[in-house]
PDB file of N, CA and C in Angstrom:
ATOM      1  N   MET A   1       0.095   5.339   0.395  1.00  0.00           N
ATOM      2  CA  MET A   1      -0.336   5.679  -0.937  1.00  0.00           C
ATOM      3  C   MET A   1       0.235   4.656  -1.908  1.00  0.00           C
ATOM      4  N   ALA A   2      -0.578   4.222  -2.810  1.00  0.00           N
ATOM      5  CA  ALA A   2      -0.161   3.295  -3.848  1.00  0.00           C
ATOM      6  C   ALA A   2      -0.306   4.015  -5.190  1.00  0.00           C
ATOM      7  N   HIS A   3       0.821   4.374  -5.790  1.00  0.00           N
ATOM      8  CA  HIS A   3       0.804   5.170  -7.016  1.00  0.00           C
ATOM      9  C   HIS A   3       1.286   4.359  -8.215  1.00  0.00           C
ATOM     10  N   ASP A   4       0.483   4.332  -9.266  1.00  0.00           N
ATOM     11  CA  ASP A   4       0.818   3.675 -10.533  1.00  0.00           C
ATOM     12  C   ASP A   4       1.286   2.234 -10.366  1.00  0.00           C
ATOM     13  N   ILE A   5       0.606   1.484  -9.538  1.00  0.00           N
ATOM     14  CA  ILE A   5       0.912   0.058  -9.381  1.00  0.00           C
ATOM     15  C   ILE A   5       0.100  -0.699 -10.421  1.00  0.00           C
ATOM     16  N   ARG A   6       0.768  -1.407 -11.291  1.00  0.00           N
ATOM     17  CA  ARG A   6       0.076  -2.123 -12.369  1.00  0.00           C
ATOM     18  C   ARG A   6      -0.558  -3.430 -11.900  1.00  0.00           C
ATOM     19  N   SER A   7       0.093  -4.102 -10.975  1.00  0.00           N
ATOM     20  CA  SER A   7      -0.362  -5.420 -10.542  1.00  0.00           C
ATOM     21  C   SER A   7      -1.485  -5.327  -9.519  1.00  0.00           C
ATOM     22  N   ALA A   8      -2.651  -5.855  -9.888  1.00  0.00           N
ATOM     23  CA  ALA A   8      -3.786  -5.879  -8.963  1.00  0.00           C
ATOM     24  C   ALA A   8      -3.469  -6.740  -7.746  1.00  0.00           C
ATOM     25  N   HIS A   9      -2.666  -7.778  -7.944  1.00  0.00           N
ATOM     26  CA  HIS A   9      -2.298  -8.653  -6.821  1.00  0.00           C
ATOM     27  C   HIS A   9      -1.432  -7.906  -5.815  1.00  0.00           C
ATOM     28  N   ASN A  10      -0.538  -7.054  -6.284  1.00  0.00           N
ATOM     29  CA  ASN A  10       0.257  -6.244  -5.367  1.00  0.00           C
ATOM     30  C   ASN A  10      -0.617  -5.252  -4.612  1.00  0.00           C
ATOM     31  N   VAL A  11      -1.635  -4.721  -5.265  1.00  0.00           N
ATOM     32  CA  VAL A  11      -2.547  -3.796  -4.588  1.00  0.00           C
ATOM     33  C   VAL A  11      -3.311  -4.546  -3.491  1.00  0.00           C
ATOM     34  N   GLY A  12      -3.740  -5.756  -3.785  1.00  0.00           N
ATOM     35  CA  GLY A  12      -4.399  -6.574  -2.759  1.00  0.00           C
ATOM     36  C   GLY A  12      -3.485  -6.819  -1.572  1.00  0.00           C
ATOM     37  N   SER A  13      -2.210  -7.064  -1.850  1.00  0.00           N
ATOM     38  CA  SER A  13      -1.228  -7.254  -0.787  1.00  0.00           C
ATOM     39  C   SER A  13      -1.047  -5.989   0.039  1.00  0.00           C
ATOM     40  N   VAL A  14      -1.100  -4.834  -0.621  1.00  0.00           N
ATOM     41  CA  VAL A  14      -1.013  -3.553   0.093  1.00  0.00           C
ATOM     42  C   VAL A  14      -2.185  -3.443   1.081  1.00  0.00           C
ATOM     43  N   PHE A  15      -3.376  -3.821   0.661  1.00  0.00           N
ATOM     44  CA  PHE A  15      -4.524  -3.760   1.564  1.00  0.00           C
ATOM     45  C   PHE A  15      -4.364  -4.708   2.743  1.00  0.00           C
ATOM     46  N   ARG A  16      -3.857  -5.913   2.511  1.00  0.00           N
ATOM     47  CA  ARG A  16      -3.639  -6.849   3.617  1.00  0.00           C
ATOM     48  C   ARG A  16      -2.607  -6.320   4.595  1.00  0.00           C
ATOM     49  N   THR A  17      -1.518  -5.744   4.070  1.00  0.00           N
ATOM     50  CA  THR A  17      -0.483  -5.185   4.935  1.00  0.00           C
ATOM     51  C   THR A  17      -1.013  -3.978   5.702  1.00  0.00           C
ATOM     52  N   ALA A  18      -1.781  -3.128   5.038  1.00  0.00           N
ATOM     53  CA  ALA A  18      -2.363  -1.960   5.707  1.00  0.00           C
ATOM     54  C   ALA A  18      -3.260  -2.396   6.855  1.00  0.00           C
ATOM     55  N   ASP A  19      -4.053  -3.438   6.639  1.00  0.00           N
ATOM     56  CA  ASP A  19      -4.921  -3.961   7.688  1.00  0.00           C
ATOM     57  C   ASP A  19      -4.087  -4.516   8.841  1.00  0.00           C
ATOM     58  N   ALA A  20      -3.058  -5.287   8.521  1.00  0.00           N
ATOM     59  CA  ALA A  20      -2.203  -5.880   9.559  1.00  0.00           C
ATOM     60  C   ALA A  20      -1.473  -4.819  10.374  1.00  0.00           C
ATOM     61  N   ALA A  21      -1.092  -3.720   9.731  1.00  0.00           N
ATOM     62  CA  ALA A  21      -0.363  -2.643  10.410  1.00  0.00           C
ATOM     63  C   ALA A  21      -1.302  -1.690  11.147  1.00  0.00           C
ATOM     64  N   GLY A  22      -2.601  -1.855  10.964  1.00  0.00           N
ATOM     65  CA  GLY A  22      -3.564  -0.997  11.633  1.00  0.00           C
ATOM     66  C   GLY A  22      -3.667   0.384  11.028  1.00  0.00           C
ATOM     67  N   LEU A  23      -3.352   0.499   9.723  1.00  0.00           N
ATOM     68  CA  LEU A  23      -3.440   1.803   9.076  1.00  0.00           C
ATOM     69  C   LEU A  23      -4.900   2.204   8.881  1.00  0.00           C
ATOM     70  N   ALA A  24      -5.151   3.505   8.898  1.00  0.00           N
ATOM     71  CA  ALA A  24      -6.514   4.010   8.832  1.00  0.00           C
ATOM     72  C   ALA A  24      -7.024   4.214   7.414  1.00  0.00           C
ATOM     73  N   HIS A  25      -6.119   4.276   6.417  1.00  0.00           N
ATOM     74  CA  HIS A  25      -6.557   4.629   5.076  1.00  0.00           C
ATOM     75  C   HIS A  25      -5.500   4.241   4.043  1.00  0.00           C
ATOM     76  N   VAL A  26      -5.946   3.908   2.847  1.00  0.00           N
ATOM     77  CA  VAL A  26      -5.052   3.672   1.706  1.00  0.00           C
ATOM     78  C   VAL A  26      -5.480   4.613   0.587  1.00  0.00           C
ATOM     79  N   TYR A  27      -4.517   5.312   0.009  1.00  0.00           N
ATOM     80  CA  TYR A  27      -4.767   6.210  -1.119  1.00  0.00           C
ATOM     81  C   TYR A  27      -4.268   5.541  -2.392  1.00  0.00           C
ATOM     82  N   LEU A  28      -5.130   5.425  -3.381  1.00  0.00           N
ATOM     83  CA  LEU A  28      -4.780   4.825  -4.667  1.00  0.00           C
ATOM     84  C   LEU A  28      -4.713   5.940  -5.704  1.00  0.00           C
ATOM     85  N   THR A  29      -3.584   6.032  -6.411  1.00  0.00           N
ATOM     86  CA  THR A  29      -3.423   7.102  -7.392  1.00  0.00           C
ATOM     87  C   THR A  29      -2.926   6.537  -8.716  1.00  0.00           C
ATOM     88  N   GLY A  30      -3.066   7.351  -9.742  1.00  0.00           N
ATOM     89  CA  GLY A  30      -2.597   6.964 -11.072  1.00  0.00           C
ATOM     90  C   GLY A  30      -3.383   5.786 -11.618  1.00  0.00           C
ATOM     91  N   ILE A  31      -2.663   4.840 -12.200  1.00  0.00           N
ATOM     92  CA  ILE A  31      -3.297   3.683 -12.843  1.00  0.00           C
ATOM     93  C   ILE A  31      -3.562   2.529 -11.884  1.00  0.00           C
ATOM     94  N   THR A  32      -3.342   2.731 -10.609  1.00  0.00           N
ATOM     95  CA  THR A  32      -3.514   1.669  -9.613  1.00  0.00           C
ATOM     96  C   THR A  32      -4.948   1.140  -9.625  1.00  0.00           C
ATOM     97  N   PRO A  33      -5.121  -0.195  -9.752  1.00  0.00           N
ATOM     98  CA  PRO A  33      -6.475  -0.768  -9.746  1.00  0.00           C
ATOM     99  C   PRO A  33      -7.172  -0.553  -8.407  1.00  0.00           C
ATOM    100  N   HIS A  34      -8.482  -0.396  -8.456  1.00  0.00           N
ATOM    101  CA  HIS A  34      -9.284  -0.188  -7.248  1.00  0.00           C
ATOM    102  C   HIS A  34      -9.752  -1.529  -6.698  1.00  0.00           C
ATOM    103  N   PRO A  35     -10.254  -1.563  -5.458  1.00  0.00           N
ATOM    104  CA  PRO A  35     -10.672  -2.819  -4.829  1.00  0.00           C
ATOM    105  C   PRO A  35     -11.773  -3.582  -5.563  1.00  0.00           C
ATOM    106  N   ASP A  36     -12.504  -2.943  -6.464  1.00  0.00           N
ATOM    107  CA  ASP A  36     -13.524  -3.685  -7.205  1.00  0.00           C
ATOM    108  C   ASP A  36     -12.912  -4.546  -8.318  1.00  0.00           C
ATOM    109  N   HIS A  37     -11.615  -4.398  -8.555  1.00  0.00           N
ATOM    110  CA  HIS A  37     -10.914  -5.234  -9.535  1.00  0.00           C
ATOM    111  C   HIS A  37     -10.797  -6.649  -8.968  1.00  0.00           C
ATOM    112  N   ARG A  38     -11.088  -7.646  -9.789  1.00  0.00           N
ATOM    113  CA  ARG A  38     -11.076  -9.039  -9.350  1.00  0.00           C
ATOM    114  C   ARG A  38      -9.750  -9.461  -8.730  1.00  0.00           C
ATOM    115  N   GLY A  39      -8.631  -9.032  -9.314  1.00  0.00           N
ATOM    116  CA  GLY A  39      -7.313  -9.417  -8.797  1.00  0.00           C
ATOM    117  C   GLY A  39      -7.016  -8.805  -7.437  1.00  0.00           C
ATOM    118  N   VAL A  40      -7.484  -7.590  -7.214  1.00  0.00           N
ATOM    119  CA  VAL A  40      -7.285  -6.946  -5.909  1.00  0.00           C
ATOM    120  C   VAL A  40      -8.051  -7.727  -4.850  1.00  0.00           C
ATOM    121  N   ALA A  41      -9.315  -7.994  -5.117  1.00  0.00           N
ATOM    122  CA  ALA A  41     -10.159  -8.699  -4.153  1.00  0.00           C
ATOM    123  C   ALA A  41      -9.621 -10.093  -3.859  1.00  0.00           C
ATOM    124  N   LYS A  42      -9.110 -10.771  -4.875  1.00  0.00           N
ATOM    125  CA  LYS A  42      -8.589 -12.127  -4.695  1.00  0.00           C
ATOM    126  C   LYS A  42      -7.416 -12.144  -3.724  1.00  0.00           C
ATOM    127  N   THR A  43      -6.528 -11.182  -3.838  1.00  0.00           N
ATOM    128  CA  THR A  43      -5.327 -11.153  -2.999  1.00  0.00           C
ATOM    129  C   THR A  43      -5.578 -10.479  -1.658  1.00  0.00           C
ATOM    130  N   ALA A  44      -6.456  -9.509  -1.611  1.00  0.00           N
ATOM    131  CA  ALA A  44      -6.708  -8.764  -0.375  1.00  0.00           C
ATOM    132  C   ALA A  44      -7.425  -9.612   0.677  1.00  0.00           C
ATOM    133  N   LEU A  45      -8.145 -10.633   0.243  1.00  0.00           N
ATOM    134  CA  LEU A  45      -8.846 -11.548   1.149  1.00  0.00           C
ATOM    135  C   LEU A  45      -9.773 -10.838   2.136  1.00  0.00           C
ATOM    136  N   GLY A  46     -10.447  -9.791   1.682  1.00  0.00           N
ATOM    137  CA  GLY A  46     -11.394  -9.068   2.520  1.00  0.00           C
ATOM    138  C   GLY A  46     -10.837  -7.812   3.172  1.00  0.00           C
ATOM    139  N   ALA A  47      -9.517  -7.647   3.168  1.00  0.00           N
ATOM    140  CA  ALA A  47      -8.906  -6.459   3.782  1.00  0.00           C
ATOM    141  C   ALA A  47      -9.333  -5.186   3.061  1.00  0.00           C
ATOM    142  N   GLN A  48      -9.692  -5.295   1.781  1.00  0.00           N
ATOM    143  CA  GLN A  48     -10.148  -4.118   1.032  1.00  0.00           C
ATOM    144  C   GLN A  48     -11.456  -3.576   1.599  1.00  0.00           C
ATOM    145  N   ASP A  49     -12.188  -4.401   2.341  1.00  0.00           N
ATOM    146  CA  ASP A  49     -13.417  -3.955   2.976  1.00  0.00           C
ATOM    147  C   ASP A  49     -13.166  -3.426   4.393  1.00  0.00           C
ATOM    148  N   ALA A  50     -12.010  -3.760   4.960  1.00  0.00           N
ATOM    149  CA  ALA A  50     -11.690  -3.355   6.333  1.00  0.00           C
ATOM    150  C   ALA A  50     -10.912  -2.046   6.394  1.00  0.00           C
ATOM    151  N   VAL A  51     -10.223  -1.692   5.310  1.00  0.00           N
ATOM    152  CA  VAL A  51      -9.399  -0.484   5.291  1.00  0.00           C
ATOM    153  C   VAL A  51     -10.024   0.520   4.325  1.00  0.00           C
ATOM    154  N   PRO A  52     -10.432   1.682   4.813  1.00  0.00           N
ATOM    155  CA  PRO A  52     -10.997   2.700   3.914  1.00  0.00           C
ATOM    156  C   PRO A  52      -9.964   3.137   2.875  1.00  0.00           C
ATOM    157  N   TRP A  53     -10.453   3.533   1.710  1.00  0.00           N
ATOM    158  CA  TRP A  53      -9.547   3.972   0.650  1.00  0.00           C
ATOM    159  C   TRP A  53     -10.204   5.073  -0.168  1.00  0.00           C
ATOM    160  N   THR A  54      -9.372   5.862  -0.803  1.00  0.00           N
ATOM    161  CA  THR A  54      -9.828   6.858  -1.767  1.00  0.00           C
ATOM    162  C   THR A  54      -8.811   6.936  -2.896  1.00  0.00           C
ATOM    163  N   ALA A  55      -9.260   7.557  -4.019  1.00  0.00           N
ATOM    164  CA  ALA A  55      -8.385   7.746  -5.176  1.00  0.00           C
ATOM    165  C   ALA A  55      -8.016   9.247  -5.251  1.00  0.00           C
ATOM    166  N   GLU A  56      -7.291   9.769  -4.162  1.00  0.00           N
ATOM    167  CA  GLU A  56      -6.681  11.093  -4.164  1.00  0.00           C
ATOM    168  C   GLU A  56      -5.606  11.128  -3.062  1.00  0.00           C
ATOM    169  N   ALA A  57      -4.660  12.098  -3.079  1.00  0.00           N
ATOM    170  CA  ALA A  57      -3.613  12.104  -2.053  1.00  0.00           C
ATOM    171  C   ALA A  57      -3.137  13.522  -1.783  1.00  0.00           C
ATOM    172  N   ASP A  58      -2.739  13.781  -0.533  1.00  0.00           N
ATOM    173  CA  ASP A  58      -2.185  15.068  -0.122  1.00  0.00           C
ATOM    174  C   ASP A  58      -0.702  14.970   0.224  1.00  0.00           C
ATOM    175  N   LEU A  59      -0.180  13.731   0.350  1.00  0.00           N
ATOM    176  CA  LEU A  59       1.194  13.521   0.785  1.00  0.00           C
ATOM    177  C   LEU A  59       1.777  12.316   0.063  1.00  0.00           C
ATOM    178  N   VAL A  60       3.019  12.403  -0.305  1.00  0.00           N
ATOM    179  CA  VAL A  60       3.715  11.288  -0.944  1.00  0.00           C
ATOM    180  C   VAL A  60       4.914  10.917  -0.080  1.00  0.00           C
ATOM    181  N   VAL A  61       5.101   9.624   0.147  1.00  0.00           N
ATOM    182  CA  VAL A  61       6.215   9.118   0.944  1.00  0.00           C
ATOM    183  C   VAL A  61       7.071   8.234   0.053  1.00  0.00           C
ATOM    184  N   GLY A  62       8.374   8.356   0.162  1.00  0.00           N
ATOM    185  CA  GLY A  62       9.275   7.524  -0.628  1.00  0.00           C
ATOM    186  C   GLY A  62      10.314   6.865   0.258  1.00  0.00           C
ATOM    187  N   LEU A  63      10.902   5.806  -0.237  1.00  0.00           N
ATOM    188  CA  LEU A  63      11.970   5.111   0.481  1.00  0.00           C
ATOM    189  C   LEU A  63      13.282   5.301  -0.277  1.00  0.00           C
ATOM    190  N   PRO A  64      14.339   5.730   0.414  1.00  0.00           N
ATOM    191  CA  PRO A  64      15.637   5.809  -0.262  1.00  0.00           C
ATOM    192  C   PRO A  64      16.142   4.394  -0.540  1.00  0.00           C
ATOM    193  N   GLN A  65      16.756   4.208  -1.685  1.00  0.00           N
ATOM    194  CA  GLN A  65      17.314   2.907  -2.050  1.00  0.00           C
ATOM    195  C   GLN A  65      18.718   3.129  -2.593  1.00  0.00           C
ATOM    196  N   TRP A  66      19.685   2.430  -2.000  1.00  0.00           N
ATOM    197  CA  TRP A  66      21.080   2.672  -2.353  1.00  0.00           C
ATOM    198  C   TRP A  66      21.692   1.569  -3.216  1.00  0.00           C
ATOM    199  N   GLY A  67      20.978   0.540  -3.522  1.00  0.00           N
ATOM    200  CA  GLY A  67      21.521  -0.547  -4.321  1.00  0.00           C
ATOM    201  C   GLY A  67      21.650  -0.176  -5.785  1.00  0.00           C
ATOM    202  N   VAL A  68      22.273  -1.039  -6.530  1.00  0.00           N
ATOM    203  CA  VAL A  68      22.472  -0.827  -7.960  1.00  0.00           C
ATOM    204  C   VAL A  68      21.128  -0.772  -8.688  1.00  0.00           C
ATOM    205  N   LYS A  69      20.226  -1.655  -8.362  1.00  0.00           N
ATOM    206  CA  LYS A  69      18.932  -1.724  -9.038  1.00  0.00           C
ATOM    207  C   LYS A  69      17.935  -0.709  -8.494  1.00  0.00           C
ATOM    208  N   ALA A  70      18.040  -0.354  -7.213  1.00  0.00           N
ATOM    209  CA  ALA A  70      17.097   0.583  -6.580  1.00  0.00           C
ATOM    210  C   ALA A  70      15.658   0.199  -6.901  1.00  0.00           C
ATOM    211  N   SER A  71      15.339  -1.069  -6.657  1.00  0.00           N
ATOM    212  CA  SER A  71      14.011  -1.558  -7.008  1.00  0.00           C
ATOM    213  C   SER A  71      13.551  -2.588  -5.985  1.00  0.00           C
ATOM    214  N   LEU A  72      12.502  -2.258  -5.251  1.00  0.00           N
ATOM    215  CA  LEU A  72      11.868  -3.194  -4.332  1.00  0.00           C
ATOM    216  C   LEU A  72      10.499  -3.560  -4.881  1.00  0.00           C
ATOM    217  N   ASN A  73      10.043  -4.769  -4.574  1.00  0.00           N
ATOM    218  CA  ASN A  73       8.668  -5.131  -4.889  1.00  0.00           C
ATOM    219  C   ASN A  73       7.763  -4.166  -4.135  1.00  0.00           C
ATOM    220  N   VAL A  74       6.698  -3.734  -4.748  1.00  0.00           N
ATOM    221  CA  VAL A  74       5.835  -2.712  -4.159  1.00  0.00           C
ATOM    222  C   VAL A  74       5.258  -3.155  -2.823  1.00  0.00           C
ATOM    223  N   SER A  75       4.917  -4.425  -2.679  1.00  0.00           N
ATOM    224  CA  SER A  75       4.355  -4.859  -1.397  1.00  0.00           C
ATOM    225  C   SER A  75       5.409  -4.847  -0.296  1.00  0.00           C
ATOM    226  N   VAL A  76       6.661  -5.143  -0.630  1.00  0.00           N
ATOM    227  CA  VAL A  76       7.754  -5.066   0.351  1.00  0.00           C
ATOM    228  C   VAL A  76       7.993  -3.613   0.736  1.00  0.00           C
ATOM    229  N   ALA A  77       8.077  -2.736  -0.246  1.00  0.00           N
ATOM    230  CA  ALA A  77       8.290  -1.310   0.026  1.00  0.00           C
ATOM    231  C   ALA A  77       7.151  -0.746   0.872  1.00  0.00           C
ATOM    232  N   PHE A  78       5.923  -1.141   0.549  1.00  0.00           N
ATOM    233  CA  PHE A  78       4.782  -0.663   1.323  1.00  0.00           C
ATOM    234  C   PHE A  78       4.855  -1.147   2.760  1.00  0.00           C
ATOM    235  N   GLY A  79       5.225  -2.401   2.955  1.00  0.00           N
ATOM    236  CA  GLY A  79       5.337  -2.941   4.309  1.00  0.00           C
ATOM    237  C   GLY A  79       6.356  -2.187   5.140  1.00  0.00           C
ATOM    238  N   ILE A  80       7.512  -1.889   4.549  1.00  0.00           N
ATOM    239  CA  ILE A  80       8.547  -1.125   5.246  1.00  0.00           C
ATOM    240  C   ILE A  80       8.013   0.253   5.622  1.00  0.00           C
ATOM    241  N   ALA A  81       7.417   0.929   4.664  1.00  0.00           N
ATOM    242  CA  ALA A  81       6.903   2.276   4.904  1.00  0.00           C
ATOM    243  C   ALA A  81       5.765   2.263   5.924  1.00  0.00           C
ATOM    244  N   ALA A  82       4.854   1.306   5.804  1.00  0.00           N
ATOM    245  CA  ALA A  82       3.705   1.242   6.706  1.00  0.00           C
ATOM    246  C   ALA A  82       4.142   1.063   8.153  1.00  0.00           C
ATOM    247  N   TYR A  83       5.025   0.096   8.390  1.00  0.00           N
ATOM    248  CA  TYR A  83       5.456  -0.148   9.761  1.00  0.00           C
ATOM    249  C   TYR A  83       6.338   0.979  10.287  1.00  0.00           C
ATOM    250  N   GLY A  84       7.124   1.594   9.422  1.00  0.00           N
ATOM    251  CA  GLY A  84       7.916   2.753   9.834  1.00  0.00           C
ATOM    252  C   GLY A  84       7.049   3.928  10.225  1.00  0.00           C
ATOM    253  N   LEU A  85       6.003   4.183   9.447  1.00  0.00           N
ATOM    254  CA  LEU A  85       5.079   5.281   9.768  1.00  0.00           C
ATOM    255  C   LEU A  85       4.284   5.001  11.035  1.00  0.00           C
ATOM    256  N   VAL A  86       3.836   3.762  11.206  1.00  0.00           N
ATOM    257  CA  VAL A  86       3.089   3.414  12.412  1.00  0.00           C
ATOM    258  C   VAL A  86       3.978   3.567  13.648  1.00  0.00           C
ATOM    259  N   ALA A  87       5.225   3.091  13.575  1.00  0.00           N
ATOM    260  CA  ALA A  87       6.145   3.221  14.707  1.00  0.00           C
ATOM    261  C   ALA A  87       6.399   4.683  15.037  1.00  0.00           C
ATOM    262  N   ARG A  88       6.559   5.493  14.021  1.00  0.00           N
ATOM    263  CA  ARG A  88       6.797   6.927  14.225  1.00  0.00           C
ATOM    264  C   ARG A  88       5.563   7.587  14.839  1.00  0.00           C
ATOM    265  N   TRP A  89       4.394   7.249  14.348  1.00  0.00           N
ATOM    266  CA  TRP A  89       3.144   7.823  14.843  1.00  0.00           C
ATOM    267  C   TRP A  89       2.893   7.442  16.298  1.00  0.00           C
ATOM    268  N   ARG A  90       3.235   6.203  16.648  1.00  0.00           N
ATOM    269  CA  ARG A  90       3.019   5.730  18.025  1.00  0.00           C
ATOM    270  C   ARG A  90       4.160   6.111  18.955  1.00  0.00           C
ATOM    271  N   GLY A  91       5.183   6.759  18.404  1.00  0.00           N
ATOM    272  CA  GLY A  91       6.296   7.229  19.236  1.00  0.00           C
ATOM    273  C   GLY A  91       7.263   6.147  19.654  1.00  0.00           C
ATOM    274  N   ALA A  92       7.320   5.074  18.882  1.00  0.00           N
ATOM    275  CA  ALA A  92       8.207   3.949  19.235  1.00  0.00           C
ATOM    276  C   ALA A  92       9.641   4.260  18.860  1.00  0.00           C
TER     277      ALA A  92
END
């Protein structure tokens, strides 16, 4: 799920990572730009057409952060979460 991501380029990166991780779906919520946004398409490089998406969600996943800033770039956080969920789903 990508919630309230302002940067269309980060959303495009989320789609590329989702495609690389073999995820089945991306949920876009809040102010997150959709794949028809020029910046999303530019960064996604076609992955927005390979990964189904919708603008609704039934589950929210978060990452604990213990540093002083507690701030990761959204594409980095998504990559960590995506691969962690895939590993868990596949029983790795």
